Amino acid sequence: MTAPGPDGVAEAAAVLAEAARTGTPCPPVRSLLPPADLEAAYAVQRRHVARAVAEGRRPVGRKIGLTSPAVQRQLGVDQPDFGVLFTDMAVPEGQPVAAGRLLQPKVEAEVALVLGADLPHREPTAADLLRATAFALPALEIVDSRIAGWDITLVDTVADNASCGLFVLGGTPVPLDRVDLRAARMTLAKNGETASQGTGADCLGSPLTAALWLAATLSRLGDPLRAGEIVLTGALGPMVAAAEGDTFSARIDGLGTVGAEFATAAPQGAGA
C-alpha cells in the first residue's frame, strides 16, 4: 500500500466529521486518499476514534462489515472490514431511535458475541474463540453513511468507521454450545412484512469465521479484542432502508428476537 498522505487523511477526517456534525451528507472521500489505499482509510478511521475518545465517548466493541461474498465482489475486495462501536451507539430495545439522529439509516440483522476473555493470539483458533466468548445475542445493526447517497467504495466506508450508526441487542444471552450459528436462519421484518432473510452461513460461512478474522486482524495490529467487548459479526441478509415511523423485528434461530423502531418527527410548531 502507498503510505497515506497526512494532508489527505486529515482532510477526509474533517469532511466526515463535518457531515456528522451538521447532519448533511458529504461527497465521497476516496478522491482525497490514494486510490484503493486501505491503510489511508484506516488512518482516517483512527482519527475519528481518537477524536471521539478525546470527547469522552467510550469504545465498547467492534463491528465487522462486508461479510457477504456478493457485496465483496461488488466492491472488488476479498476481505471484510471493521469499525469501532461506542457506548452511545447502543439503543436499548424498546427505545425508539429519535427522528433525525441518523442521516441515511439501513438495518441489518446480525449475531452479536460478547467476550468473557481477551483474544490476544495472533492466529486464534476456533477453540480460542469459543472459550473466550461468554455468550451470543441477536442484534440489529443500524448502519449509516455520512457519504451522500451511499456512494461508497471500500475506502469510503472504512474511512467512515465502517458506516457505523447504532445497534440494538436482544436481551437473552445464549451460550455458544446451545446454538449452531452457521445453520441459524434469520428473518428480518419491516413494518410486519418480511424484508430480509439469510442464515449464519451467509456471513463468511459462519459468524464465528468472521469473528476469527477480526480477532486475528486486530491482534496483528496490536489492538486485540478484550474481555467485555461486543462484536457485531456481520449481516446475515441484505440490509433494509429505514425511515421515520418504521418498525423492525428480527428472529434468529436459537437466539430469539430483537426489535427496533424509528420515531416520527413532531410536526413543526407542535407544543408551541
C-alpha atoms as a PDB file:
ATOM      1  CA  MET A   1       0.000   0.000   0.000  1.00  0.00           C
ATOM      2  CA  THR A   2       1.023   3.586  -0.563  1.00  0.00           C
ATOM      3  CA  ALA A   3       1.823   5.454   2.625  1.00  0.00           C
ATOM      4  CA  PRO A   4      -1.177   7.679   3.417  1.00  0.00           C
ATOM      5  CA  GLY A   5      -0.616  11.368   2.843  1.00  0.00           C
ATOM      6  CA  PRO A   6      -1.192  13.260   6.089  1.00  0.00           C
ATOM      7  CA  ASP A   7      -2.986  16.121   4.358  1.00  0.00           C
ATOM      8  CA  GLY A   8      -5.438  13.840   2.577  1.00  0.00           C
ATOM      9  CA  VAL A   9      -6.084  11.814   5.716  1.00  0.00           C
ATOM     10  CA  ALA A  10      -6.685  14.957   7.765  1.00  0.00           C
ATOM     11  CA  GLU A  11      -8.959  16.450   5.094  1.00  0.00           C
ATOM     12  CA  ALA A  12     -11.010  13.270   4.736  1.00  0.00           C
ATOM     13  CA  ALA A  13     -11.412  13.050   8.516  1.00  0.00           C
ATOM     14  CA  ALA A  14     -12.505  16.699   8.680  1.00  0.00           C
ATOM     15  CA  VAL A  15     -15.039  16.274   5.857  1.00  0.00           C
ATOM     16  CA  LEU A  16     -16.626  13.239   7.530  1.00  0.00           C
ATOM     17  CA  ALA A  17     -16.671  14.954  10.928  1.00  0.00           C
ATOM     18  CA  GLU A  18     -18.406  17.982   9.454  1.00  0.00           C
ATOM     19  CA  ALA A  19     -21.030  15.779   7.794  1.00  0.00           C
ATOM     20  CA  ALA A  20     -21.741  14.102  11.125  1.00  0.00           C
ATOM     21  CA  ARG A  21     -21.875  17.453  12.944  1.00  0.00           C
ATOM     22  CA  THR A  22     -24.217  19.174  10.515  1.00  0.00           C
ATOM     23  CA  GLY A  23     -26.329  16.182   9.504  1.00  0.00           C
ATOM     24  CA  THR A  24     -25.587  16.925   5.854  1.00  0.00           C
ATOM     25  CA  PRO A  25     -24.046  14.028   3.890  1.00  0.00           C
ATOM     26  CA  CYS A  26     -20.767  14.768   2.134  1.00  0.00           C
ATOM     27  CA  PRO A  27     -19.289  13.693  -1.215  1.00  0.00           C
ATOM     28  CA  PRO A  28     -17.173  10.506  -1.237  1.00  0.00           C
ATOM     29  CA  VAL A  29     -13.774  10.949   0.402  1.00  0.00           C
ATOM     30  CA  ARG A  30     -11.925   8.454  -1.810  1.00  0.00           C
ATOM     31  CA  SER A  31     -10.697  11.271  -4.065  1.00  0.00           C
ATOM     32  CA  LEU A  32      -8.815  12.714  -1.080  1.00  0.00           C
ATOM     33  CA  LEU A  33      -6.849   9.497  -0.498  1.00  0.00           C
ATOM     34  CA  PRO A  34      -4.514   7.350  -2.605  1.00  0.00           C
ATOM     35  CA  PRO A  35      -6.564   5.008  -4.825  1.00  0.00           C
ATOM     36  CA  ALA A  36      -7.706   1.799  -3.102  1.00  0.00           C
ATOM     37  CA  ASP A  37      -5.427   2.554  -0.129  1.00  0.00           C
ATOM     38  CA  LEU A  38      -6.872   0.791   2.915  1.00  0.00           C
ATOM     39  CA  GLU A  39      -4.008   1.958   5.117  1.00  0.00           C
ATOM     40  CA  ALA A  40      -5.018   5.549   4.441  1.00  0.00           C
ATOM     41  CA  ALA A  41      -8.689   4.750   5.024  1.00  0.00           C
ATOM     42  CA  TYR A  42      -7.963   3.153   8.401  1.00  0.00           C
ATOM     43  CA  ALA A  43      -5.774   6.152   9.268  1.00  0.00           C
ATOM     44  CA  VAL A  44      -8.869   8.329   8.765  1.00  0.00           C
ATOM     45  CA  GLN A  45     -10.887   5.946  10.936  1.00  0.00           C
ATOM     46  CA  ARG A  46      -8.267   6.100  13.708  1.00  0.00           C
ATOM     47  CA  ARG A  47      -8.505   9.899  13.699  1.00  0.00           C
ATOM     48  CA  HIS A  48     -12.255   9.603  14.161  1.00  0.00           C
ATOM     49  CA  VAL A  49     -11.829   7.164  17.051  1.00  0.00           C
ATOM     50  CA  ALA A  50      -9.166   9.314  18.734  1.00  0.00           C
ATOM     51  CA  ARG A  51     -11.387  12.383  18.451  1.00  0.00           C
ATOM     52  CA  ALA A  52     -14.356  10.502  19.873  1.00  0.00           C
ATOM     53  CA  VAL A  53     -12.346   9.219  22.834  1.00  0.00           C
ATOM     54  CA  ALA A  54     -10.991  12.714  23.484  1.00  0.00           C
ATOM     55  CA  GLU A  55     -14.598  13.927  23.594  1.00  0.00           C
ATOM     56  CA  GLY A  56     -15.373  11.379  26.310  1.00  0.00           C
ATOM     57  CA  ARG A  57     -17.035   8.653  24.240  1.00  0.00           C
ATOM     58  CA  ARG A  58     -16.253   5.096  25.397  1.00  0.00           C
ATOM     59  CA  PRO A  59     -15.448   2.283  22.946  1.00  0.00           C
ATOM     60  CA  VAL A  60     -17.336  -0.931  23.755  1.00  0.00           C
ATOM     61  CA  GLY A  61     -16.532  -3.216  20.842  1.00  0.00           C
ATOM     62  CA  ARG A  62     -16.173  -3.689  17.093  1.00  0.00           C
ATOM     63  CA  LYS A  63     -18.349  -4.314  14.096  1.00  0.00           C
ATOM     64  CA  ILE A  64     -17.446  -6.400  11.081  1.00  0.00           C
ATOM     65  CA  GLY A  65     -18.637  -5.277   7.672  1.00  0.00           C
ATOM     66  CA  LEU A  66     -18.560  -6.678   4.147  1.00  0.00           C
ATOM     67  CA  THR A  67     -19.065 -10.261   5.288  1.00  0.00           C
ATOM     68  CA  SER A  68     -21.235 -11.092   2.277  1.00  0.00           C
ATOM     69  CA  PRO A  69     -19.312 -12.534  -0.696  1.00  0.00           C
ATOM     70  CA  ALA A  70     -21.758 -10.799  -3.057  1.00  0.00           C
ATOM     71  CA  VAL A  71     -21.012  -7.391  -1.546  1.00  0.00           C
ATOM     72  CA  GLN A  72     -17.268  -8.124  -1.580  1.00  0.00           C
ATOM     73  CA  ARG A  73     -17.482  -8.864  -5.306  1.00  0.00           C
ATOM     74  CA  GLN A  74     -19.482  -5.691  -5.863  1.00  0.00           C
ATOM     75  CA  LEU A  75     -16.729  -3.586  -4.244  1.00  0.00           C
ATOM     76  CA  GLY A  76     -13.878  -5.609  -5.725  1.00  0.00           C
ATOM     77  CA  VAL A  77     -12.425  -6.769  -2.386  1.00  0.00           C
ATOM     78  CA  ASP A  78     -11.629 -10.140  -0.873  1.00  0.00           C
ATOM     79  CA  GLN A  79     -11.859  -9.366   2.829  1.00  0.00           C
ATOM     80  CA  PRO A  80     -14.211  -7.790   5.366  1.00  0.00           C
ATOM     81  CA  ASP A  81     -13.607  -4.501   7.141  1.00  0.00           C
ATOM     82  CA  PHE A  82     -14.152  -3.353  10.712  1.00  0.00           C
ATOM     83  CA  GLY A  83     -15.178  -0.319  12.725  1.00  0.00           C
ATOM     84  CA  VAL A  84     -15.381   0.723  16.367  1.00  0.00           C
ATOM     85  CA  LEU A  85     -18.554   0.685  18.478  1.00  0.00           C
ATOM     86  CA  PHE A  86     -19.143   3.260  21.217  1.00  0.00           C
ATOM     87  CA  THR A  87     -21.458   3.215  24.224  1.00  0.00           C
ATOM     88  CA  ASP A  88     -23.658   5.962  22.801  1.00  0.00           C
ATOM     89  CA  MET A  89     -24.374   3.821  19.718  1.00  0.00           C
ATOM     90  CA  ALA A  90     -26.243   1.248  21.830  1.00  0.00           C
ATOM     91  CA  VAL A  91     -30.031   1.690  21.724  1.00  0.00           C
ATOM     92  CA  PRO A  92     -31.967  -0.184  24.424  1.00  0.00           C
ATOM     93  CA  GLU A  93     -34.606  -2.460  22.926  1.00  0.00           C
ATOM     94  CA  GLY A  94     -37.973  -0.710  23.112  1.00  0.00           C
ATOM     95  CA  GLN A  95     -36.475   2.787  22.969  1.00  0.00           C
ATOM     96  CA  PRO A  96     -37.268   4.462  19.626  1.00  0.00           C
ATOM     97  CA  VAL A  97     -34.485   5.907  17.508  1.00  0.00           C
ATOM     98  CA  ALA A  98     -35.070   9.655  17.553  1.00  0.00           C
ATOM     99  CA  ALA A  99     -36.063  11.245  14.252  1.00  0.00           C
ATOM    100  CA  GLY A 100     -33.088  12.911  12.598  1.00  0.00           C
ATOM    101  CA  ARG A 101     -30.494  11.108  14.719  1.00  0.00           C
ATOM    102  CA  LEU A 102     -29.089   9.350  11.647  1.00  0.00           C
ATOM    103  CA  LEU A 103     -28.546  10.552   8.099  1.00  0.00           C
ATOM    104  CA  GLN A 104     -29.310   7.538   5.862  1.00  0.00           C
ATOM    105  CA  PRO A 105     -30.118   4.563   8.097  1.00  0.00           C
ATOM    106  CA  LYS A 106     -30.379   0.955   6.978  1.00  0.00           C
ATOM    107  CA  VAL A 107     -31.000  -2.090   9.169  1.00  0.00           C
ATOM    108  CA  GLU A 108     -29.201  -5.437   9.232  1.00  0.00           C
ATOM    109  CA  ALA A 109     -29.827  -8.492  11.429  1.00  0.00           C
ATOM    110  CA  GLU A 110     -26.684  -9.997  12.945  1.00  0.00           C
ATOM    111  CA  VAL A 111     -25.239 -12.236  15.622  1.00  0.00           C
ATOM    112  CA  ALA A 112     -23.517 -10.345  18.431  1.00  0.00           C
ATOM    113  CA  LEU A 113     -20.823 -12.015  20.518  1.00  0.00           C
ATOM    114  CA  VAL A 114     -19.863 -10.737  23.977  1.00  0.00           C
ATOM    115  CA  LEU A 115     -16.388 -11.741  25.091  1.00  0.00           C
ATOM    116  CA  GLY A 116     -15.620 -13.079  28.527  1.00  0.00           C
ATOM    117  CA  ALA A 117     -11.846 -13.216  27.992  1.00  0.00           C
ATOM    118  CA  ASP A 118      -9.161 -11.488  25.930  1.00  0.00           C
ATOM    119  CA  LEU A 119      -8.215 -12.800  22.485  1.00  0.00           C
ATOM    120  CA  PRO A 120      -4.580 -11.697  22.139  1.00  0.00           C
ATOM    121  CA  HIS A 121      -3.378 -14.570  19.931  1.00  0.00           C
ATOM    122  CA  ARG A 122      -2.005 -13.603  16.517  1.00  0.00           C
ATOM    123  CA  GLU A 123      -3.575 -16.704  14.952  1.00  0.00           C
ATOM    124  CA  PRO A 124      -6.546 -17.583  17.161  1.00  0.00           C
ATOM    125  CA  THR A 125      -8.261 -20.921  16.689  1.00  0.00           C
ATOM    126  CA  ALA A 126     -11.962 -21.687  16.790  1.00  0.00           C
ATOM    127  CA  ALA A 127     -11.349 -23.217  20.220  1.00  0.00           C
ATOM    128  CA  ASP A 128      -9.767 -19.964  21.432  1.00  0.00           C
ATOM    129  CA  LEU A 129     -12.807 -18.025  20.258  1.00  0.00           C
ATOM    130  CA  LEU A 130     -15.296 -20.450  21.786  1.00  0.00           C
ATOM    131  CA  ARG A 131     -13.506 -20.328  25.159  1.00  0.00           C
ATOM    132  CA  ALA A 132     -13.305 -16.519  25.060  1.00  0.00           C
ATOM    133  CA  THR A 133     -16.961 -15.895  24.153  1.00  0.00           C
ATOM    134  CA  ALA A 134     -19.276 -15.529  27.126  1.00  0.00           C
ATOM    135  CA  PHE A 135     -22.495 -15.605  25.090  1.00  0.00           C
ATOM    136  CA  ALA A 136     -24.251 -14.632  21.873  1.00  0.00           C
ATOM    137  CA  LEU A 137     -27.228 -12.338  21.311  1.00  0.00           C
ATOM    138  CA  PRO A 138     -29.460 -11.452  18.383  1.00  0.00           C
ATOM    139  CA  ALA A 139     -28.702  -7.931  17.190  1.00  0.00           C
ATOM    140  CA  LEU A 140     -29.828  -5.250  14.799  1.00  0.00           C
ATOM    141  CA  GLU A 141     -27.134  -3.035  13.388  1.00  0.00           C
ATOM    142  CA  ILE A 142     -28.463   0.283  12.119  1.00  0.00           C
ATOM    143  CA  VAL A 143     -25.791   1.253   9.640  1.00  0.00           C
ATOM    144  CA  ASP A 144     -25.423   4.826   8.430  1.00  0.00           C
ATOM    145  CA  SER A 145     -23.253   6.697   5.977  1.00  0.00           C
ATOM    146  CA  ARG A 146     -22.007  10.224   6.181  1.00  0.00           C
ATOM    147  CA  ILE A 147     -21.464   9.999   2.393  1.00  0.00           C
ATOM    148  CA  ALA A 148     -24.318  11.196   0.193  1.00  0.00           C
ATOM    149  CA  GLY A 149     -26.441   8.519  -1.445  1.00  0.00           C
ATOM    150  CA  TRP A 150     -24.329   5.687  -0.034  1.00  0.00           C
ATOM    151  CA  ASP A 151     -21.934   6.338  -2.949  1.00  0.00           C
ATOM    152  CA  ILE A 152     -19.160   4.320  -1.345  1.00  0.00           C
ATOM    153  CA  THR A 153     -16.197   2.156  -2.168  1.00  0.00           C
ATOM    154  CA  LEU A 154     -14.271   0.119   0.394  1.00  0.00           C
ATOM    155  CA  VAL A 155     -12.023   3.125   1.085  1.00  0.00           C
ATOM    156  CA  ASP A 156     -15.028   5.362   1.782  1.00  0.00           C
ATOM    157  CA  THR A 157     -16.758   3.008   4.205  1.00  0.00           C
ATOM    158  CA  VAL A 158     -13.552   2.156   6.108  1.00  0.00           C
ATOM    159  CA  ALA A 159     -12.733   5.855   6.490  1.00  0.00           C
ATOM    160  CA  ASP A 160     -16.315   6.409   7.704  1.00  0.00           C
ATOM    161  CA  ASN A 161     -15.787   3.972  10.605  1.00  0.00           C
ATOM    162  CA  ALA A 162     -17.215   1.098   8.533  1.00  0.00           C
ATOM    163  CA  SER A 163     -20.510   3.005   8.156  1.00  0.00           C
ATOM    164  CA  CYS A 164     -21.301   2.606  11.854  1.00  0.00           C
ATOM    165  CA  GLY A 165     -24.537   4.057  13.144  1.00  0.00           C
ATOM    166  CA  LEU A 166     -26.343   2.446  16.080  1.00  0.00           C
ATOM    167  CA  PHE A 167     -27.063  -1.067  17.332  1.00  0.00           C
ATOM    168  CA  VAL A 168     -29.721  -2.896  19.340  1.00  0.00           C
ATOM    169  CA  LEU A 169     -29.024  -6.063  21.321  1.00  0.00           C
ATOM    170  CA  GLY A 170     -31.545  -8.716  22.295  1.00  0.00           C
ATOM    171  CA  GLY A 171     -31.914  -9.333  25.994  1.00  0.00           C
ATOM    172  CA  THR A 172     -31.431 -13.082  26.464  1.00  0.00           C
ATOM    173  CA  PRO A 173     -27.802 -14.310  26.368  1.00  0.00           C
ATOM    174  CA  VAL A 174     -27.220 -17.726  24.793  1.00  0.00           C
ATOM    175  CA  PRO A 175     -24.024 -19.787  25.348  1.00  0.00           C
ATOM    176  CA  LEU A 176     -22.412 -20.916  22.103  1.00  0.00           C
ATOM    177  CA  ASP A 177     -22.797 -24.608  22.959  1.00  0.00           C
ATOM    178  CA  ARG A 178     -26.565 -24.180  22.732  1.00  0.00           C
ATOM    179  CA  VAL A 179     -26.778 -22.817  19.183  1.00  0.00           C
ATOM    180  CA  ASP A 180     -25.455 -23.704  15.722  1.00  0.00           C
ATOM    181  CA  LEU A 181     -24.666 -20.254  14.404  1.00  0.00           C
ATOM    182  CA  ARG A 182     -23.768 -21.472  10.924  1.00  0.00           C
ATOM    183  CA  ALA A 183     -27.156 -23.118  10.382  1.00  0.00           C
ATOM    184  CA  ALA A 184     -29.215 -20.487  12.201  1.00  0.00           C
ATOM    185  CA  ARG A 185     -31.896 -18.963   9.988  1.00  0.00           C
ATOM    186  CA  MET A 186     -32.655 -15.242  10.148  1.00  0.00           C
ATOM    187  CA  THR A 187     -35.821 -13.390   9.173  1.00  0.00           C
ATOM    188  CA  LEU A 188     -35.990  -9.585   9.334  1.00  0.00           C
ATOM    189  CA  ALA A 189     -39.429  -7.960   9.126  1.00  0.00           C
ATOM    190  CA  LYS A 190     -40.095  -4.295   8.337  1.00  0.00           C
ATOM    191  CA  ASN A 191     -43.484  -2.979   9.380  1.00  0.00           C
ATOM    192  CA  GLY A 192     -44.684  -6.564   9.774  1.00  0.00           C
ATOM    193  CA  GLU A 193     -43.591  -7.761   6.315  1.00  0.00           C
ATOM    194  CA  THR A 194     -40.563  -9.969   5.644  1.00  0.00           C
ATOM    195  CA  ALA A 195     -37.835  -7.750   4.199  1.00  0.00           C
ATOM    196  CA  SER A 196     -34.613  -9.792   4.501  1.00  0.00           C
ATOM    197  CA  GLN A 197     -33.679 -13.414   5.074  1.00  0.00           C
ATOM    198  CA  GLY A 198     -30.488 -15.421   5.408  1.00  0.00           C
ATOM    199  CA  THR A 199     -28.528 -17.828   7.549  1.00  0.00           C
ATOM    200  CA  GLY A 200     -25.347 -17.814   9.565  1.00  0.00           C
ATOM    201  CA  ALA A 201     -23.599 -19.397   6.583  1.00  0.00           C
ATOM    202  CA  ASP A 202     -24.210 -16.168   4.632  1.00  0.00           C
ATOM    203  CA  CYS A 203     -21.780 -14.380   6.961  1.00  0.00           C
ATOM    204  CA  LEU A 204     -18.359 -15.555   5.693  1.00  0.00           C
ATOM    205  CA  GLY A 205     -19.578 -19.134   6.112  1.00  0.00           C
ATOM    206  CA  SER A 206     -20.311 -18.576   9.814  1.00  0.00           C
ATOM    207  CA  PRO A 207     -20.417 -15.638  12.258  1.00  0.00           C
ATOM    208  CA  LEU A 208     -17.594 -17.425  14.117  1.00  0.00           C
ATOM    209  CA  THR A 209     -15.417 -17.328  10.980  1.00  0.00           C
ATOM    210  CA  ALA A 210     -15.994 -13.576  10.761  1.00  0.00           C
ATOM    211  CA  ALA A 211     -15.115 -13.138  14.439  1.00  0.00           C
ATOM    212  CA  LEU A 212     -11.908 -15.157  13.989  1.00  0.00           C
ATOM    213  CA  TRP A 213     -10.890 -12.918  11.091  1.00  0.00           C
ATOM    214  CA  LEU A 214     -11.439  -9.856  13.267  1.00  0.00           C
ATOM    215  CA  ALA A 215      -9.569 -11.308  16.246  1.00  0.00           C
ATOM    216  CA  ALA A 216      -6.543 -12.217  14.097  1.00  0.00           C
ATOM    217  CA  THR A 217      -6.544  -8.871  12.276  1.00  0.00           C
ATOM    218  CA  LEU A 218      -6.719  -6.787  15.447  1.00  0.00           C
ATOM    219  CA  SER A 219      -4.072  -8.883  17.180  1.00  0.00           C
ATOM    220  CA  ARG A 220      -1.664  -8.310  14.283  1.00  0.00           C
ATOM    221  CA  LEU A 221      -2.388  -4.590  14.562  1.00  0.00           C
ATOM    222  CA  GLY A 222      -1.503  -4.642  18.267  1.00  0.00           C
ATOM    223  CA  ASP A 223      -5.057  -3.841  19.384  1.00  0.00           C
ATOM    224  CA  PRO A 224      -6.606  -7.224  20.262  1.00  0.00           C
ATOM    225  CA  LEU A 225     -10.147  -7.932  21.331  1.00  0.00           C
ATOM    226  CA  ARG A 226     -10.616  -7.720  25.095  1.00  0.00           C
ATOM    227  CA  ALA A 227     -12.949  -9.247  27.673  1.00  0.00           C
ATOM    228  CA  GLY A 228     -16.266  -7.450  27.804  1.00  0.00           C
ATOM    229  CA  GLU A 229     -16.195  -6.241  24.214  1.00  0.00           C
ATOM    230  CA  ILE A 230     -19.180  -6.621  21.905  1.00  0.00           C
ATOM    231  CA  VAL A 231     -18.548  -7.970  18.411  1.00  0.00           C
ATOM    232  CA  LEU A 232     -21.187  -7.464  15.738  1.00  0.00           C
ATOM    233  CA  THR A 233     -20.220 -10.266  13.388  1.00  0.00           C
ATOM    234  CA  GLY A 234     -21.864  -9.082  10.159  1.00  0.00           C
ATOM    235  CA  ALA A 235     -25.174  -9.156   8.336  1.00  0.00           C
ATOM    236  CA  LEU A 236     -26.977 -12.456   7.790  1.00  0.00           C
ATOM    237  CA  GLY A 237     -29.014 -11.000   4.916  1.00  0.00           C
ATOM    238  CA  PRO A 238     -29.442  -7.857   2.813  1.00  0.00           C
ATOM    239  CA  MET A 239     -29.701  -4.531   4.615  1.00  0.00           C
ATOM    240  CA  VAL A 240     -33.051  -2.721   4.518  1.00  0.00           C
ATOM    241  CA  ALA A 241     -33.584   1.044   4.305  1.00  0.00           C
ATOM    242  CA  ALA A 242     -35.269   2.664   7.312  1.00  0.00           C
ATOM    243  CA  ALA A 243     -37.360   5.823   7.646  1.00  0.00           C
ATOM    244  CA  GLU A 244     -39.301   7.649  10.336  1.00  0.00           C
ATOM    245  CA  GLY A 245     -42.155   5.539  11.690  1.00  0.00           C
ATOM    246  CA  ASP A 246     -40.703   2.198  10.571  1.00  0.00           C
ATOM    247  CA  THR A 247     -40.528  -0.791  12.911  1.00  0.00           C
ATOM    248  CA  PHE A 248     -38.199  -3.781  12.552  1.00  0.00           C
ATOM    249  CA  SER A 249     -38.139  -7.213  14.147  1.00  0.00           C
ATOM    250  CA  ALA A 250     -35.585  -9.956  13.562  1.00  0.00           C
ATOM    251  CA  ARG A 251     -35.689 -13.607  14.586  1.00  0.00           C
ATOM    252  CA  ILE A 252     -32.527 -15.726  14.571  1.00  0.00           C
ATOM    253  CA  ASP A 253     -32.915 -19.444  15.242  1.00  0.00           C
ATOM    254  CA  GLY A 254     -31.520 -20.390  18.625  1.00  0.00           C
ATOM    255  CA  LEU A 255     -31.038 -16.775  19.723  1.00  0.00           C
ATOM    256  CA  GLY A 256     -34.549 -15.348  19.740  1.00  0.00           C
ATOM    257  CA  THR A 257     -35.787 -11.957  18.615  1.00  0.00           C
ATOM    258  CA  VAL A 258     -34.720  -8.337  18.665  1.00  0.00           C
ATOM    259  CA  GLY A 259     -36.584  -5.238  17.530  1.00  0.00           C
ATOM    260  CA  ALA A 260     -36.167  -1.555  16.767  1.00  0.00           C
ATOM    261  CA  GLU A 261     -38.437   1.328  15.912  1.00  0.00           C
ATOM    262  CA  PHE A 262     -37.864   4.741  14.392  1.00  0.00           C
ATOM    263  CA  ALA A 263     -39.718   7.680  15.892  1.00  0.00           C
ATOM    264  CA  THR A 264     -41.661  10.154  13.786  1.00  0.00           C
ATOM    265  CA  ALA A 265     -40.668  13.795  13.978  1.00  0.00           C
ATOM    266  CA  ALA A 266     -43.155  16.055  15.722  1.00  0.00           C
ATOM    267  CA  PRO A 267     -44.931  18.459  13.357  1.00  0.00           C
ATOM    268  CA  GLN A 268     -43.402  21.923  13.159  1.00  0.00           C
ATOM    269  CA  GLY A 269     -44.855  24.149  15.809  1.00  0.00           C
ATOM    270  CA  ALA A 270     -46.082  21.239  17.936  1.00  0.00           C
ATOM    271  CA  GLY A 271     -46.091  22.155  21.589  1.00  0.00           C
ATOM    272  CA  ALA A 272     -45.723  25.861  20.880  1.00  0.00           C
END
